[in-house]
Protein backbone atom coordinates (compact mmCIF):
# COMPACT_ATOMS: atom_id res chain seq x y z
CA UNK A 1 -18.88 -8.09 38.23
CA UNK A 2 -21.10 -7.41 35.45
CA UNK A 3 -20.57 -3.63 35.57
CA UNK A 4 -16.79 -4.39 35.18
CA UNK A 5 -17.24 -6.63 32.05
CA UNK A 6 -19.56 -4.15 30.55
CA UNK A 7 -17.02 -1.36 31.06
CA UNK A 8 -14.45 -3.41 29.37
CA UNK A 9 -16.55 -4.17 26.45
CA UNK A 10 -17.15 -0.48 25.94
CA UNK A 11 -13.60 0.36 26.04
CA UNK A 12 -12.45 -2.54 23.99
CA UNK A 13 -12.99 -0.22 20.52
CA UNK A 14 -11.32 2.63 21.95
CA UNK A 15 -8.02 0.83 23.22
CA UNK A 16 -8.12 -1.03 19.56
CA UNK A 17 -8.31 2.32 17.98
CA UNK A 18 -5.57 3.83 20.23
CA UNK A 19 -3.01 1.20 19.64
CA UNK A 20 -2.51 2.09 16.16
CA UNK A 21 -0.05 5.03 16.20
CA UNK A 22 -0.78 7.80 13.53
CA UNK A 23 1.82 7.52 10.65
CA UNK A 24 4.99 9.64 10.57
CA UNK A 25 4.98 11.91 7.45
CA UNK A 26 8.87 11.85 7.80
CA UNK A 27 8.84 7.96 6.84
CA UNK A 28 7.15 8.98 3.47
CA UNK A 29 10.19 10.02 1.44
CA UNK A 30 9.07 8.55 -2.00
CA UNK A 31 7.72 11.07 -4.46
CA UNK A 32 5.18 9.84 -6.36
CA UNK A 33 3.22 11.85 -9.34
CA UNK A 34 0.03 9.78 -9.94
CA UNK A 35 -0.83 10.28 -13.87
CA UNK A 36 -3.96 8.23 -14.25
CA UNK A 37 -6.20 6.58 -11.92
CA UNK A 38 -8.91 3.80 -13.00
CA UNK A 39 -11.08 1.09 -11.41
CA UNK A 40 -10.84 -2.65 -12.90
CA UNK A 41 -12.74 -5.83 -12.11
CA UNK A 42 -11.07 -8.07 -9.73
CA UNK A 43 -10.49 -11.49 -11.50
CA UNK A 44 -12.60 -13.45 -9.14
CA UNK A 45 -16.19 -13.90 -9.96
CA UNK A 46 -17.08 -11.35 -7.53
CA UNK A 47 -18.36 -7.76 -8.36
CA UNK A 48 -15.37 -6.09 -6.75
CA UNK A 49 -12.98 -3.61 -8.33
CA UNK A 50 -9.64 -2.75 -7.47
CA UNK A 51 -7.75 0.69 -7.93
CA UNK A 52 -5.44 0.95 -10.99
CA UNK A 53 -2.65 3.69 -10.98
CA UNK A 54 -0.06 4.87 -13.60
CA UNK A 55 2.46 6.67 -11.66
CA UNK A 56 5.80 8.14 -12.05
CA UNK A 57 8.61 7.29 -9.37
CA UNK A 58 12.06 8.16 -9.59
CA UNK A 59 11.86 8.92 -13.50
CA UNK A 60 10.04 5.47 -14.14
CA UNK A 61 6.55 4.72 -15.05
CA UNK A 62 5.06 2.11 -12.70
CA UNK A 63 1.38 0.55 -12.75
CA UNK A 64 -0.05 0.15 -9.29
CA UNK A 65 -2.66 -1.87 -8.08
CA UNK A 66 -4.74 -1.61 -4.75
CA UNK A 67 -4.20 -4.82 -2.34
CA UNK A 68 -7.85 -4.39 -1.27
CA UNK A 69 -11.04 -3.69 -3.10
CA UNK A 70 -11.63 -0.15 -3.69
CA UNK A 71 -14.47 1.94 -4.96
CA UNK A 72 -13.26 5.53 -5.76
CA UNK A 73 -10.51 6.73 -8.04
CA UNK A 74 -7.71 8.82 -6.57
CA UNK A 75 -7.22 12.24 -7.99
CA UNK A 76 -4.06 12.65 -10.35
CA UNK A 77 -1.34 14.48 -8.56
CA UNK A 78 1.57 14.43 -6.28
CA UNK A 79 1.64 12.04 -3.21
CA UNK A 80 4.35 10.75 -0.65
CA UNK A 81 4.73 7.12 -0.40
CA UNK A 82 7.19 4.60 1.55
CA UNK A 83 8.29 1.13 0.30
CA UNK A 84 6.93 -1.41 2.84
CA UNK A 85 7.78 -4.74 1.09
CA UNK A 86 10.31 -5.49 -1.34
CA UNK A 87 11.96 -8.90 -2.40
CA UNK A 88 14.56 -8.79 -4.94
CA UNK A 89 18.34 -9.87 -5.36
CA UNK A 90 19.29 -6.16 -5.71
CA UNK A 91 18.36 -3.43 -2.94
CA UNK A 92 16.66 -4.26 0.28
CA UNK A 93 17.22 -7.93 0.70
CA UNK A 94 20.09 -8.74 -1.58
CA UNK A 95 20.75 -12.41 0.01
CA UNK A 96 18.73 -15.17 -1.12
CA UNK A 97 16.93 -17.21 1.59
CA UNK A 98 15.93 -20.79 1.15
CA UNK A 99 12.29 -20.07 0.11
CA UNK A 100 13.35 -17.06 -2.22
CA UNK A 101 12.38 -17.98 -5.84
CA UNK A 102 13.27 -14.42 -6.90
CA UNK A 103 15.93 -14.03 -9.60
CA UNK A 104 18.28 -11.09 -10.25
CA UNK A 105 16.14 -9.89 -12.90
CA UNK A 106 12.82 -10.08 -10.77
CA UNK A 107 11.44 -7.96 -7.95
CA UNK A 108 8.18 -7.72 -5.95
CA UNK A 109 7.49 -4.16 -4.31
CA UNK A 110 4.62 -2.69 -2.47
CA UNK A 111 4.31 1.09 -1.82
CA UNK A 112 2.18 2.64 1.00
CA UNK A 113 0.79 6.09 0.25
CA UNK A 114 0.30 8.73 2.80
CA UNK A 115 -2.69 10.99 2.17
CA UNK A 116 -3.49 14.55 3.34
CA UNK A 117 -5.84 13.48 5.95
CA UNK A 118 -3.35 10.95 7.58
CA UNK A 119 -4.83 7.69 6.07
CA UNK A 120 -2.73 5.21 4.20
CA UNK A 121 -3.44 2.75 1.33
CA UNK A 122 -1.10 0.00 0.11
CA UNK A 123 -0.20 -0.48 -3.68
CA UNK A 124 1.62 -3.43 -5.37
CA UNK A 125 3.58 -2.61 -8.45
CA UNK A 126 2.09 -4.68 -11.45
CA UNK A 127 4.09 -2.90 -14.27
CA UNK A 128 7.02 -1.14 -15.14
CA UNK A 129 8.16 1.19 -18.03
CA UNK A 130 10.89 3.46 -18.86
């Protein structure tokens, strides 16, 4: 019995890793051109930093921040992304829900970037310019 339990414990990390499928590059249809990349301090008292990007998407300039702490800069250049979350009265979820406080002139959007090595990272839109 102990041998079976031990074998299951050894297999658990492998099964966890296998459960997440590799991202499909065909799903990442949004072209993103990163113009600048910088690290900024997280507002909390902890010494964590987040990655701040200025990027051009569909001829608009956006400011994007990572959702999780980051220590490395992203090289400027072209990347592929997809929208993984969007709340607005126009576009993806135009019907208001009872808990929806988004007005027609507001939105919240999260992009997921796909990198050449197959890894992904999520960025939240924190600014917009024309």
